[in-house]
Amino acid sequence: FLANPNNPTGTWFGKDALAAFLAAVPASTIVVLDEAYCEYVT
């Protein structure tokens, strides 16, 4: 489980960090990316 931005801290990660993480995770592992606050991000 990833949250971007994260609740309750508000912190976030960028495009390169997400791309690298997804490339490192095997296809047999489900990655849940929670973007509940994405529309607020500038």
PDB file of all heavy atoms in Angstrom:
ATOM      1  N   PHE A   1       0.843  -1.189   0.000  1.00  0.00           N
ATOM      2  CA  PHE A   1       0.000   0.000   0.000  1.00  0.00           C
ATOM      3  C   PHE A   1       0.883   1.246   0.000  1.00  0.00           C
ATOM      4  O   PHE A   1       1.757   1.402   0.862  1.00  0.00           O
ATOM      5  CB  PHE A   1      -0.892   0.037   1.244  1.00  0.00           C
ATOM      6  CG  PHE A   1      -1.976  -0.996   1.262  1.00  0.00           C
ATOM      7  CD1 PHE A   1      -1.713  -2.282   1.715  1.00  0.00           C
ATOM      8  CD2 PHE A   1      -3.259  -0.699   0.838  1.00  0.00           C
ATOM      9  CE1 PHE A   1      -2.706  -3.247   1.753  1.00  0.00           C
ATOM     10  CE2 PHE A   1      -4.266  -1.652   0.865  1.00  0.00           C
ATOM     11  CZ  PHE A   1      -3.991  -2.938   1.323  1.00  0.00           C
ATOM     12  N   LEU A   2       0.650   2.128  -0.957  1.00  0.00           N
ATOM     13  CA  LEU A   2       1.299   3.436  -1.011  1.00  0.00           C
ATOM     14  C   LEU A   2       0.208   4.498  -0.987  1.00  0.00           C
ATOM     15  O   LEU A   2      -0.883   4.296  -1.542  1.00  0.00           O
ATOM     16  CB  LEU A   2       2.117   3.604  -2.293  1.00  0.00           C
ATOM     17  CG  LEU A   2       3.154   2.548  -2.651  1.00  0.00           C
ATOM     18  CD1 LEU A   2       3.781   2.887  -3.999  1.00  0.00           C
ATOM     19  CD2 LEU A   2       4.214   2.432  -1.576  1.00  0.00           C
ATOM     20  N   ALA A   3       0.485   5.639  -0.376  1.00  0.00           N
ATOM     21  CA  ALA A   3      -0.447   6.760  -0.416  1.00  0.00           C
ATOM     22  C   ALA A   3       0.298   7.984  -0.893  1.00  0.00           C
ATOM     23  O   ALA A   3       1.362   8.317  -0.371  1.00  0.00           O
ATOM     24  CB  ALA A   3      -1.046   7.016   0.960  1.00  0.00           C
ATOM     25  N   ASN A   4      -0.257   8.665  -1.893  1.00  0.00           N
ATOM     26  CA  ASN A   4       0.416   9.808  -2.477  1.00  0.00           C
ATOM     27  C   ASN A   4      -0.612  10.885  -2.847  1.00  0.00           C
ATOM     28  O   ASN A   4      -1.299  10.741  -3.858  1.00  0.00           O
ATOM     29  CB  ASN A   4       1.203   9.376  -3.725  1.00  0.00           C
ATOM     30  CG  ASN A   4       2.298  10.355  -4.092  1.00  0.00           C
ATOM     31  OD1 ASN A   4       2.865  11.013  -3.237  1.00  0.00           O
ATOM     32  ND2 ASN A   4       2.605  10.446  -5.372  1.00  0.00           N
ATOM     33  N   PRO A   5      -0.734  11.973  -2.061  1.00  0.00           N
ATOM     34  CA  PRO A   5      -0.057  12.264  -0.802  1.00  0.00           C
ATOM     35  C   PRO A   5      -0.489  11.301   0.307  1.00  0.00           C
ATOM     36  O   PRO A   5      -1.543  10.687   0.234  1.00  0.00           O
ATOM     37  CB  PRO A   5      -0.510  13.696  -0.482  1.00  0.00           C
ATOM     38  CG  PRO A   5      -1.045  14.252  -1.747  1.00  0.00           C
ATOM     39  CD  PRO A   5      -1.593  13.091  -2.498  1.00  0.00           C
ATOM     40  N   ASN A   6       0.364  11.238   1.339  1.00  0.00           N
ATOM     41  CA  ASN A   6       0.085  10.326   2.436  1.00  0.00           C
ATOM     42  C   ASN A   6      -0.791  10.987   3.491  1.00  0.00           C
ATOM     43  O   ASN A   6      -0.639  12.157   3.808  1.00  0.00           O
ATOM     44  CB  ASN A   6       1.394   9.879   3.098  1.00  0.00           C
ATOM     45  CG  ASN A   6       1.156   8.851   4.174  1.00  0.00           C
ATOM     46  OD1 ASN A   6       0.559   7.806   3.920  1.00  0.00           O
ATOM     47  ND2 ASN A   6       1.613   9.127   5.386  1.00  0.00           N
ATOM     48  N   ASN A   7      -1.711  10.217   4.012  1.00  0.00           N
ATOM     49  CA  ASN A   7      -2.534  10.614   5.147  1.00  0.00           C
ATOM     50  C   ASN A   7      -2.109   9.744   6.333  1.00  0.00           C
ATOM     51  O   ASN A   7      -2.129   8.523   6.202  1.00  0.00           O
ATOM     52  CB  ASN A   7      -4.009  10.377   4.819  1.00  0.00           C
ATOM     53  CG  ASN A   7      -4.926  10.600   6.003  1.00  0.00           C
ATOM     54  OD1 ASN A   7      -4.635  11.366   6.884  1.00  0.00           O
ATOM     55  ND2 ASN A   7      -6.045   9.882   6.011  1.00  0.00           N
ATOM     56  N   PRO A   8      -1.622  10.313   7.444  1.00  0.00           N
ATOM     57  CA  PRO A   8      -1.915  11.665   7.931  1.00  0.00           C
ATOM     58  C   PRO A   8      -0.789  12.686   7.787  1.00  0.00           C
ATOM     59  O   PRO A   8      -0.918  13.798   8.300  1.00  0.00           O
ATOM     60  CB  PRO A   8      -2.154  11.414   9.422  1.00  0.00           C
ATOM     61  CG  PRO A   8      -1.165  10.342   9.757  1.00  0.00           C
ATOM     62  CD  PRO A   8      -1.132   9.447   8.537  1.00  0.00           C
ATOM     63  N   THR A   9       0.315  12.367   7.134  1.00  0.00           N
ATOM     64  CA  THR A   9       1.460  13.279   7.154  1.00  0.00           C
ATOM     65  C   THR A   9       1.397  14.370   6.090  1.00  0.00           C
ATOM     66  O   THR A   9       1.979  15.436   6.261  1.00  0.00           O
ATOM     67  CB  THR A   9       2.780  12.509   6.976  1.00  0.00           C
ATOM     68  OG1 THR A   9       2.760  11.837   5.696  1.00  0.00           O
ATOM     69  CG2 THR A   9       2.961  11.475   8.084  1.00  0.00           C
ATOM     70  N   GLY A  10       0.745  14.104   4.959  1.00  0.00           N
ATOM     71  CA  GLY A  10       0.686  15.075   3.864  1.00  0.00           C
ATOM     72  C   GLY A  10       1.843  14.996   2.906  1.00  0.00           C
ATOM     73  O   GLY A  10       1.870  15.704   1.884  1.00  0.00           O
ATOM     74  N   THR A  11       2.852  14.166   3.202  1.00  0.00           N
ATOM     75  CA  THR A  11       4.041  14.056   2.359  1.00  0.00           C
ATOM     76  C   THR A  11       3.720  13.331   1.060  1.00  0.00           C
ATOM     77  O   THR A  11       2.724  12.607   0.951  1.00  0.00           O
ATOM     78  CB  THR A  11       5.144  13.314   3.123  1.00  0.00           C
ATOM     79  OG1 THR A  11       4.621  12.078   3.631  1.00  0.00           O
ATOM     80  CG2 THR A  11       5.645  14.151   4.287  1.00  0.00           C
ATOM     81  N   TRP A  12       4.588  13.514   0.060  1.00  0.00           N
ATOM     82  CA  TRP A  12       4.323  12.931  -1.255  1.00  0.00           C
ATOM     83  C   TRP A  12       5.636  12.566  -1.924  1.00  0.00           C
ATOM     84  O   TRP A  12       6.707  12.968  -1.503  1.00  0.00           O
ATOM     85  CB  TRP A  12       3.542  13.916  -2.127  1.00  0.00           C
ATOM     86  CG  TRP A  12       4.285  15.194  -2.420  1.00  0.00           C
ATOM     87  CD1 TRP A  12       4.473  16.250  -1.573  1.00  0.00           C
ATOM     88  CD2 TRP A  12       4.977  15.532  -3.615  1.00  0.00           C
ATOM     89  NE1 TRP A  12       5.232  17.226  -2.171  1.00  0.00           N
ATOM     90  CE2 TRP A  12       5.560  16.811  -3.439  1.00  0.00           C
ATOM     91  CE3 TRP A  12       5.160  14.884  -4.834  1.00  0.00           C
ATOM     92  CZ2 TRP A  12       6.292  17.447  -4.414  1.00  0.00           C
ATOM     93  CZ3 TRP A  12       5.899  15.519  -5.818  1.00  0.00           C
ATOM     94  CH2 TRP A  12       6.453  16.784  -5.605  1.00  0.00           C
ATOM     95  N   PHE A  13       5.545  11.742  -2.977  1.00  0.00           N
ATOM     96  CA  PHE A  13       6.728  11.383  -3.757  1.00  0.00           C
ATOM     97  C   PHE A  13       6.476  11.662  -5.234  1.00  0.00           C
ATOM     98  O   PHE A  13       5.331  11.768  -5.686  1.00  0.00           O
ATOM     99  CB  PHE A  13       7.127   9.912  -3.542  1.00  0.00           C
ATOM    100  CG  PHE A  13       5.993   8.921  -3.663  1.00  0.00           C
ATOM    101  CD1 PHE A  13       5.567   8.449  -4.887  1.00  0.00           C
ATOM    102  CD2 PHE A  13       5.348   8.444  -2.517  1.00  0.00           C
ATOM    103  CE1 PHE A  13       4.533   7.533  -5.002  1.00  0.00           C
ATOM    104  CE2 PHE A  13       4.314   7.521  -2.614  1.00  0.00           C
ATOM    105  CZ  PHE A  13       3.907   7.070  -3.855  1.00  0.00           C
ATOM    106  N   GLY A  14       7.589  11.790  -5.992  1.00  0.00           N
ATOM    107  CA  GLY A  14       7.512  12.227  -7.376  1.00  0.00           C
ATOM    108  C   GLY A  14       7.502  11.101  -8.393  1.00  0.00           C
ATOM    109  O   GLY A  14       7.484   9.912  -8.056  1.00  0.00           O
ATOM    110  N   LYS A  15       7.548  11.498  -9.671  1.00  0.00           N
ATOM    111  CA  LYS A  15       7.407  10.555 -10.776  1.00  0.00           C
ATOM    112  C   LYS A  15       8.538   9.542 -10.822  1.00  0.00           C
ATOM    113  O   LYS A  15       8.303   8.339 -10.997  1.00  0.00           O
ATOM    114  CB  LYS A  15       7.344  11.330 -12.092  1.00  0.00           C
ATOM    115  CG  LYS A  15       6.131  12.244 -12.217  1.00  0.00           C
ATOM    116  CD  LYS A  15       6.202  13.091 -13.485  1.00  0.00           C
ATOM    117  CE  LYS A  15       5.015  14.039 -13.577  1.00  0.00           C
ATOM    118  NZ  LYS A  15       5.103  14.937 -14.748  1.00  0.00           N
ATOM    119  N   ASP A  16       9.772  10.006 -10.702  1.00  0.00           N
ATOM    120  CA  ASP A  16      10.906   9.083 -10.797  1.00  0.00           C
ATOM    121  C   ASP A  16      10.871   8.061  -9.660  1.00  0.00           C
ATOM    122  O   ASP A  16      11.176   6.878  -9.874  1.00  0.00           O
ATOM    123  CB  ASP A  16      12.226   9.849 -10.769  1.00  0.00           C
ATOM    124  CG  ASP A  16      12.470  10.648 -12.043  1.00  0.00           C
ATOM    125  OD1 ASP A  16      11.759  10.395 -13.039  1.00  0.00           O
ATOM    126  OD2 ASP A  16      13.356  11.514 -12.031  1.00  0.00           O
ATOM    127  N   ALA A  17      10.523   8.508  -8.462  1.00  0.00           N
ATOM    128  CA  ALA A  17      10.483   7.597  -7.319  1.00  0.00           C
ATOM    129  C   ALA A  17       9.427   6.523  -7.519  1.00  0.00           C
ATOM    130  O   ALA A  17       9.660   5.339  -7.231  1.00  0.00           O
ATOM    131  CB  ALA A  17      10.217   8.377  -6.037  1.00  0.00           C
ATOM    132  N   LEU A  18       8.254   6.907  -8.014  1.00  0.00           N
ATOM    133  CA  LEU A  18       7.200   5.915  -8.254  1.00  0.00           C
ATOM    134  C   LEU A  18       7.606   4.952  -9.359  1.00  0.00           C
ATOM    135  O   LEU A  18       7.427   3.730  -9.233  1.00  0.00           O
ATOM    136  CB  LEU A  18       5.884   6.604  -8.621  1.00  0.00           C
ATOM    137  CG  LEU A  18       4.737   5.650  -8.965  1.00  0.00           C
ATOM    138  CD1 LEU A  18       4.412   4.715  -7.804  1.00  0.00           C
ATOM    139  CD2 LEU A  18       3.494   6.439  -9.382  1.00  0.00           C
ATOM    140  N   ALA A  19       8.173   5.477 -10.448  1.00  0.00           N
ATOM    141  CA  ALA A  19       8.584   4.618 -11.558  1.00  0.00           C
ATOM    142  C   ALA A  19       9.627   3.600 -11.106  1.00  0.00           C
ATOM    143  O   ALA A  19       9.556   2.405 -11.467  1.00  0.00           O
ATOM    144  CB  ALA A  19       9.126   5.462 -12.702  1.00  0.00           C
ATOM    145  N   ALA A  20      10.593   4.045 -10.309  1.00  0.00           N
ATOM    146  CA  ALA A  20      11.631   3.130  -9.828  1.00  0.00           C
ATOM    147  C   ALA A  20      11.041   2.062  -8.921  1.00  0.00           C
ATOM    148  O   ALA A  20      11.432   0.885  -8.982  1.00  0.00           O
ATOM    149  CB  ALA A  20      12.709   3.918  -9.096  1.00  0.00           C
ATOM    150  N   PHE A  21      10.103   2.456  -8.075  1.00  0.00           N
ATOM    151  CA  PHE A  21       9.494   1.487  -7.172  1.00  0.00           C
ATOM    152  C   PHE A  21       8.712   0.435  -7.952  1.00  0.00           C
ATOM    153  O   PHE A  21       8.850  -0.774  -7.712  1.00  0.00           O
ATOM    154  CB  PHE A  21       8.569   2.193  -6.184  1.00  0.00           C
ATOM    155  CG  PHE A  21       7.888   1.241  -5.239  1.00  0.00           C
ATOM    156  CD1 PHE A  21       8.536   0.791  -4.103  1.00  0.00           C
ATOM    157  CD2 PHE A  21       6.616   0.773  -5.504  1.00  0.00           C
ATOM    158  CE1 PHE A  21       7.925  -0.105  -3.237  1.00  0.00           C
ATOM    159  CE2 PHE A  21       5.991  -0.119  -4.653  1.00  0.00           C
ATOM    160  CZ  PHE A  21       6.652  -0.558  -3.505  1.00  0.00           C
ATOM    161  N   LEU A  22       7.904   0.871  -8.892  1.00  0.00           N
ATOM    162  CA  LEU A  22       7.103  -0.072  -9.671  1.00  0.00           C
ATOM    163  C   LEU A  22       7.989  -1.028 -10.467  1.00  0.00           C
ATOM    164  O   LEU A  22       7.668  -2.208 -10.623  1.00  0.00           O
ATOM    165  CB  LEU A  22       6.157   0.679 -10.599  1.00  0.00           C
ATOM    166  CG  LEU A  22       5.026   1.460  -9.909  1.00  0.00           C
ATOM    167  CD1 LEU A  22       4.272   2.310 -10.923  1.00  0.00           C
ATOM    168  CD2 LEU A  22       4.075   0.517  -9.192  1.00  0.00           C
ATOM    169  N   ALA A  23       9.111  -0.519 -10.952  1.00  0.00           N
ATOM    170  CA  ALA A  23      10.033  -1.376 -11.707  1.00  0.00           C
ATOM    171  C   ALA A  23      10.688  -2.416 -10.814  1.00  0.00           C
ATOM    172  O   ALA A  23      11.066  -3.508 -11.285  1.00  0.00           O
ATOM    173  CB  ALA A  23      11.102  -0.520 -12.379  1.00  0.00           C
ATOM    174  N   ALA A  24      10.823  -2.103  -9.517  1.00  0.00           N
ATOM    175  CA  ALA A  24      11.501  -3.014  -8.599  1.00  0.00           C
ATOM    176  C   ALA A  24      10.598  -4.082  -8.014  1.00  0.00           C
ATOM    177  O   ALA A  24      11.081  -5.083  -7.483  1.00  0.00           O
ATOM    178  CB  ALA A  24      12.131  -2.201  -7.454  1.00  0.00           C
ATOM    179  N   VAL A  25       9.295  -3.887  -8.099  1.00  0.00           N
ATOM    180  CA  VAL A  25       8.352  -4.808  -7.471  1.00  0.00           C
ATOM    181  C   VAL A  25       7.952  -5.902  -8.461  1.00  0.00           C
ATOM    182  O   VAL A  25       7.617  -5.601  -9.607  1.00  0.00           O
ATOM    183  CB  VAL A  25       7.098  -4.046  -6.986  1.00  0.00           C
ATOM    184  CG1 VAL A  25       6.022  -5.000  -6.471  1.00  0.00           C
ATOM    185  CG2 VAL A  25       7.473  -3.057  -5.900  1.00  0.00           C
ATOM    186  N   PRO A  26       7.981  -7.167  -8.057  1.00  0.00           N
ATOM    187  CA  PRO A  26       7.605  -8.240  -8.982  1.00  0.00           C
ATOM    188  C   PRO A  26       6.138  -8.156  -9.382  1.00  0.00           C
ATOM    189  O   PRO A  26       5.299  -7.642  -8.635  1.00  0.00           O
ATOM    190  CB  PRO A  26       7.881  -9.512  -8.168  1.00  0.00           C
ATOM    191  CG  PRO A  26       7.887  -9.087  -6.743  1.00  0.00           C
ATOM    192  CD  PRO A  26       8.390  -7.680  -6.737  1.00  0.00           C
ATOM    193  N   ALA A  27       5.842  -8.672 -10.549  1.00  0.00           N
ATOM    194  CA  ALA A  27       4.483  -8.600 -11.088  1.00  0.00           C
ATOM    195  C   ALA A  27       3.486  -9.378 -10.248  1.00  0.00           C
ATOM    196  O   ALA A  27       2.274  -9.158 -10.352  1.00  0.00           O
ATOM    197  CB  ALA A  27       4.478  -9.127 -12.528  1.00  0.00           C
ATOM    198  N   SER A  28       3.976 -10.279  -9.411  1.00  0.00           N
ATOM    199  CA  SER A  28       3.094 -11.083  -8.563  1.00  0.00           C
ATOM    200  C   SER A  28       2.644 -10.346  -7.307  1.00  0.00           C
ATOM    201  O   SER A  28       1.835 -10.870  -6.533  1.00  0.00           O
ATOM    202  CB  SER A  28       3.794 -12.381  -8.160  1.00  0.00           C
ATOM    203  OG  SER A  28       5.021 -12.104  -7.492  1.00  0.00           O
ATOM    204  N   THR A  29       3.157  -9.138  -7.091  1.00  0.00           N
ATOM    205  CA  THR A  29       2.794  -8.339  -5.917  1.00  0.00           C
ATOM    206  C   THR A  29       1.883  -7.198  -6.343  1.00  0.00           C
ATOM    207  O   THR A  29       2.250  -6.399  -7.209  1.00  0.00           O
ATOM    208  CB  THR A  29       4.050  -7.768  -5.226  1.00  0.00           C
ATOM    209  OG1 THR A  29       4.873  -8.848  -4.782  1.00  0.00           O
ATOM    210  CG2 THR A  29       3.671  -6.907  -4.030  1.00  0.00           C
ATOM    211  N   ILE A  30       0.702  -7.119  -5.748  1.00  0.00           N
ATOM    212  CA  ILE A  30      -0.229  -6.040  -6.050  1.00  0.00           C
ATOM    213  C   ILE A  30       0.249  -4.757  -5.376  1.00  0.00           C
ATOM    214  O   ILE A  30       0.565  -4.748  -4.182  1.00  0.00           O
ATOM    215  CB  ILE A  30      -1.652  -6.374  -5.544  1.00  0.00           C
ATOM    216  CG1 ILE A  30      -2.196  -7.634  -6.231  1.00  0.00           C
ATOM    217  CG2 ILE A  30      -2.595  -5.195  -5.752  1.00  0.00           C
ATOM    218  CD1 ILE A  30      -2.523  -7.448  -7.684  1.00  0.00           C
ATOM    219  N   VAL A  31       0.322  -3.670  -6.136  1.00  0.00           N
ATOM    220  CA  VAL A  31       0.662  -2.354  -5.588  1.00  0.00           C
ATOM    221  C   VAL A  31      -0.611  -1.510  -5.573  1.00  0.00           C
ATOM    222  O   VAL A  31      -1.197  -1.231  -6.628  1.00  0.00           O
ATOM    223  CB  VAL A  31       1.755  -1.657  -6.414  1.00  0.00           C
ATOM    224  CG1 VAL A  31       2.033  -0.257  -5.846  1.00  0.00           C
ATOM    225  CG2 VAL A  31       3.031  -2.485  -6.421  1.00  0.00           C
ATOM    226  N   VAL A  32      -1.042  -1.123  -4.382  1.00  0.00           N
ATOM    227  CA  VAL A  32      -2.235  -0.292  -4.214  1.00  0.00           C
ATOM    228  C   VAL A  32      -1.775   1.142  -3.997  1.00  0.00           C
ATOM    229  O   VAL A  32      -1.125   1.448  -2.994  1.00  0.00           O
ATOM    230  CB  VAL A  32      -3.086  -0.769  -3.016  1.00  0.00           C
ATOM    231  CG1 VAL A  32      -4.351   0.080  -2.894  1.00  0.00           C
ATOM    232  CG2 VAL A  32      -3.428  -2.248  -3.156  1.00  0.00           C
ATOM    233  N   LEU A  33      -2.087   2.014  -4.942  1.00  0.00           N
ATOM    234  CA  LEU A  33      -1.671   3.415  -4.883  1.00  0.00           C
ATOM    235  C   LEU A  33      -2.890   4.272  -4.554  1.00  0.00           C
ATOM    236  O   LEU A  33      -3.775   4.475  -5.388  1.00  0.00           O
ATOM    237  CB  LEU A  33      -1.063   3.842  -6.219  1.00  0.00           C
ATOM    238  CG  LEU A  33      -0.596   5.289  -6.339  1.00  0.00           C
ATOM    239  CD1 LEU A  33       0.460   5.628  -5.292  1.00  0.00           C
ATOM    240  CD2 LEU A  33      -0.067   5.570  -7.749  1.00  0.00           C
ATOM    241  N   ASP A  34      -2.944   4.753  -3.324  1.00  0.00           N
ATOM    242  CA  ASP A  34      -4.078   5.531  -2.833  1.00  0.00           C
ATOM    243  C   ASP A  34      -3.839   7.006  -3.157  1.00  0.00           C
ATOM    244  O   ASP A  34      -2.938   7.637  -2.606  1.00  0.00           O
ATOM    245  CB  ASP A  34      -4.209   5.316  -1.327  1.00  0.00           C
ATOM    246  CG  ASP A  34      -5.451   5.967  -0.729  1.00  0.00           C
ATOM    247  OD1 ASP A  34      -6.095   6.781  -1.412  1.00  0.00           O
ATOM    248  OD2 ASP A  34      -5.763   5.663   0.437  1.00  0.00           O
ATOM    249  N   GLU A  35      -4.671   7.545  -4.035  1.00  0.00           N
ATOM    250  CA  GLU A  35      -4.548   8.940  -4.458  1.00  0.00           C
ATOM    251  C   GLU A  35      -5.769   9.758  -4.046  1.00  0.00           C
ATOM    252  O   GLU A  35      -6.281  10.585  -4.806  1.00  0.00           O
ATOM    253  CB  GLU A  35      -4.344   9.014  -5.975  1.00  0.00           C
ATOM    254  CG  GLU A  35      -3.032   8.384  -6.438  1.00  0.00           C
ATOM    255  CD  GLU A  35      -2.790   8.535  -7.936  1.00  0.00           C
ATOM    256  OE1 GLU A  35      -3.779   8.690  -8.703  1.00  0.00           O
ATOM    257  OE2 GLU A  35      -1.620   8.501  -8.348  1.00  0.00           O
ATOM    258  N   ALA A  36      -6.219   9.563  -2.811  1.00  0.00           N
ATOM    259  CA  ALA A  36      -7.428  10.238  -2.344  1.00  0.00           C
ATOM    260  C   ALA A  36      -7.337  11.758  -2.450  1.00  0.00           C
ATOM    261  O   ALA A  36      -8.344  12.437  -2.651  1.00  0.00           O
ATOM    262  CB  ALA A  36      -7.714   9.835  -0.891  1.00  0.00           C
ATOM    263  N   TYR A  37      -6.126  12.298  -2.321  1.00  0.00           N
ATOM    264  CA  TYR A  37      -5.948  13.754  -2.298  1.00  0.00           C
ATOM    265  C   TYR A  37      -5.313  14.286  -3.578  1.00  0.00           C
ATOM    266  O   TYR A  37      -4.854  15.428  -3.613  1.00  0.00           O
ATOM    267  CB  TYR A  37      -5.086  14.140  -1.085  1.00  0.00           C
ATOM    268  CG  TYR A  37      -5.707  13.717   0.226  1.00  0.00           C
ATOM    269  CD1 TYR A  37      -5.386  12.489   0.801  1.00  0.00           C
ATOM    270  CD2 TYR A  37      -6.631  14.530   0.874  1.00  0.00           C
ATOM    271  CE1 TYR A  37      -5.976  12.085   1.995  1.00  0.00           C
ATOM    272  CE2 TYR A  37      -7.216  14.138   2.061  1.00  0.00           C
ATOM    273  CZ  TYR A  37      -6.894  12.910   2.615  1.00  0.00           C
ATOM    274  OH  TYR A  37      -7.480  12.512   3.794  1.00  0.00           O
ATOM    275  N   CYS A  38      -5.284  13.487  -4.625  1.00  0.00           N
ATOM    276  CA  CYS A  38      -4.515  13.854  -5.818  1.00  0.00           C
ATOM    277  C   CYS A  38      -4.985  15.160  -6.448  1.00  0.00           C
ATOM    278  O   CYS A  38      -4.173  15.927  -6.971  1.00  0.00           O
ATOM    279  CB  CYS A  38      -4.540  12.729  -6.850  1.00  0.00           C
ATOM    280  SG  CYS A  38      -6.165  12.336  -7.536  1.00  0.00           S
ATOM    281  N   GLU A  39      -6.292  15.434  -6.396  1.00  0.00           N
ATOM    282  CA  GLU A  39      -6.787  16.646  -7.063  1.00  0.00           C
ATOM    283  C   GLU A  39      -6.335  17.920  -6.368  1.00  0.00           C
ATOM    284  O   GLU A  39      -6.422  19.008  -6.954  1.00  0.00           O
ATOM    285  CB  GLU A  39      -8.325  16.621  -7.139  1.00  0.00           C
ATOM    286  CG  GLU A  39      -8.886  15.578  -8.092  1.00  0.00           C
ATOM    287  CD  GLU A  39      -9.249  14.282  -7.381  1.00  0.00           C
ATOM    288  OE1 GLU A  39      -8.848  14.134  -6.193  1.00  0.00           O
ATOM    289  OE2 GLU A  39      -9.914  13.433  -7.987  1.00  0.00           O
ATOM    290  N   TYR A  40      -5.857  17.817  -5.142  1.00  0.00           N
ATOM    291  CA  TYR A  40      -5.364  18.992  -4.428  1.00  0.00           C
ATOM    292  C   TYR A  40      -3.911  19.319  -4.762  1.00  0.00           C
ATOM    293  O   TYR A  40      -3.440  20.418  -4.465  1.00  0.00           O
ATOM    294  CB  TYR A  40      -5.468  18.775  -2.917  1.00  0.00           C
ATOM    295  CG  TYR A  40      -6.846  18.995  -2.347  1.00  0.00           C
ATOM    296  CD1 TYR A  40      -7.572  17.940  -1.804  1.00  0.00           C
ATOM    297  CD2 TYR A  40      -7.421  20.257  -2.339  1.00  0.00           C
ATOM    298  CE1 TYR A  40      -8.833  18.143  -1.263  1.00  0.00           C
ATOM    299  CE2 TYR A  40      -8.681  20.470  -1.813  1.00  0.00           C
ATOM    300  CZ  TYR A  40      -9.384  19.409  -1.272  1.00  0.00           C
ATOM    301  OH  TYR A  40     -10.635  19.621  -0.750  1.00  0.00           O
ATOM    302  N   VAL A  41      -3.193  18.385  -5.362  1.00  0.00           N
ATOM    303  CA  VAL A  41      -1.751  18.551  -5.550  1.00  0.00           C
ATOM    304  C   VAL A  41      -1.468  19.570  -6.648  1.00  0.00           C
ATOM    305  O   VAL A  41      -2.057  19.534  -7.729  1.00  0.00           O
ATOM    306  CB  VAL A  41      -1.084  17.200  -5.888  1.00  0.00           C
ATOM    307  CG1 VAL A  41       0.423  17.379  -6.072  1.00  0.00           C
ATOM    308  CG2 VAL A  41      -1.365  16.171  -4.788  1.00  0.00           C
ATOM    309  N   THR A  42      -0.505  20.462  -6.384  1.00  0.00           N
ATOM    310  CA  THR A  42      -0.106  21.470  -7.370  1.00  0.00           C
ATOM    311  C   THR A  42       1.330  21.286  -7.847  1.00  0.00           C
ATOM    312  O   THR A  42       1.762  21.966  -8.775  1.00  0.00           O
ATOM    313  CB  THR A  42      -0.252  22.884  -6.766  1.00  0.00           C
ATOM    314  OG1 THR A  42       0.541  22.978  -5.576  1.00  0.00           O
ATOM    315  CG2 THR A  42      -1.702  23.188  -6.425  1.00  0.00           C
TER     316      THR A  42
END
